[in-house]
Protein backbone atom coordinates (compact mmCIF):
# COMPACT_ATOMS: atom_id res chain seq x y z
CA UNK A 1 30.42 10.76 0.39
CA UNK A 2 30.68 10.70 3.97
CA UNK A 3 33.89 13.74 3.43
CA UNK A 4 31.46 15.43 1.22
CA UNK A 5 28.53 15.18 3.91
CA UNK A 6 31.17 16.84 6.90
CA UNK A 7 32.53 19.35 5.10
CA UNK A 8 29.60 20.82 3.55
CA UNK A 9 26.99 20.50 7.37
CA UNK A 10 30.67 22.61 9.24
CA UNK A 11 30.89 24.62 6.58
CA UNK A 12 26.51 25.20 7.18
CA UNK A 13 27.78 25.28 10.69
CA UNK A 14 29.36 27.74 11.06
CA UNK A 15 27.22 29.64 8.82
CA UNK A 16 24.16 29.23 10.25
CA UNK A 17 24.61 27.61 13.19
CA UNK A 18 23.53 23.90 14.69
CA UNK A 19 19.90 25.00 16.08
CA UNK A 20 19.63 27.05 12.54
CA UNK A 21 20.95 23.99 10.61
CA UNK A 22 18.57 20.62 9.01
CA UNK A 23 19.40 17.46 7.92
CA UNK A 24 17.39 18.67 4.72
CA UNK A 25 20.26 21.26 3.93
CA UNK A 26 22.95 18.94 4.64
CA UNK A 27 21.92 16.71 2.22
CA UNK A 28 20.35 19.32 -0.48
CA UNK A 29 24.09 20.70 -0.57
CA UNK A 30 25.79 17.33 -0.64
CA UNK A 31 23.65 16.22 -3.35
CA UNK A 32 23.11 12.85 -0.91
CA UNK A 33 20.49 11.48 0.98
CA UNK A 34 18.94 11.81 4.29
CA UNK A 35 19.65 7.13 4.51
CA UNK A 36 23.13 8.17 2.98
CA UNK A 37 23.62 10.73 5.58
CA UNK A 38 22.26 8.95 8.62
CA UNK A 39 23.97 5.62 7.11
CA UNK A 40 27.90 7.29 7.35
CA UNK A 41 27.08 9.90 10.91
CA UNK A 42 23.51 8.62 12.46
CA UNK A 43 22.92 11.86 14.11
CA UNK A 44 23.09 15.30 13.37
CA UNK A 45 24.75 15.73 16.62
CA UNK A 46 27.24 13.47 15.60
CA UNK A 47 28.20 15.15 12.23
CA UNK A 48 28.65 18.54 15.20
CA UNK A 49 31.86 15.93 17.03
């Protein structure tokens, strides 16, 4: 699941930019939950780094 979240996040960051990408979009498209996202990455910034 971690790899899927990261892959979706990277696609959205490239397409929309960091500021325009929301964690809600990432969760929805990765078919995950916010809890799971924050468990693996703690913050949106950590997904980007």
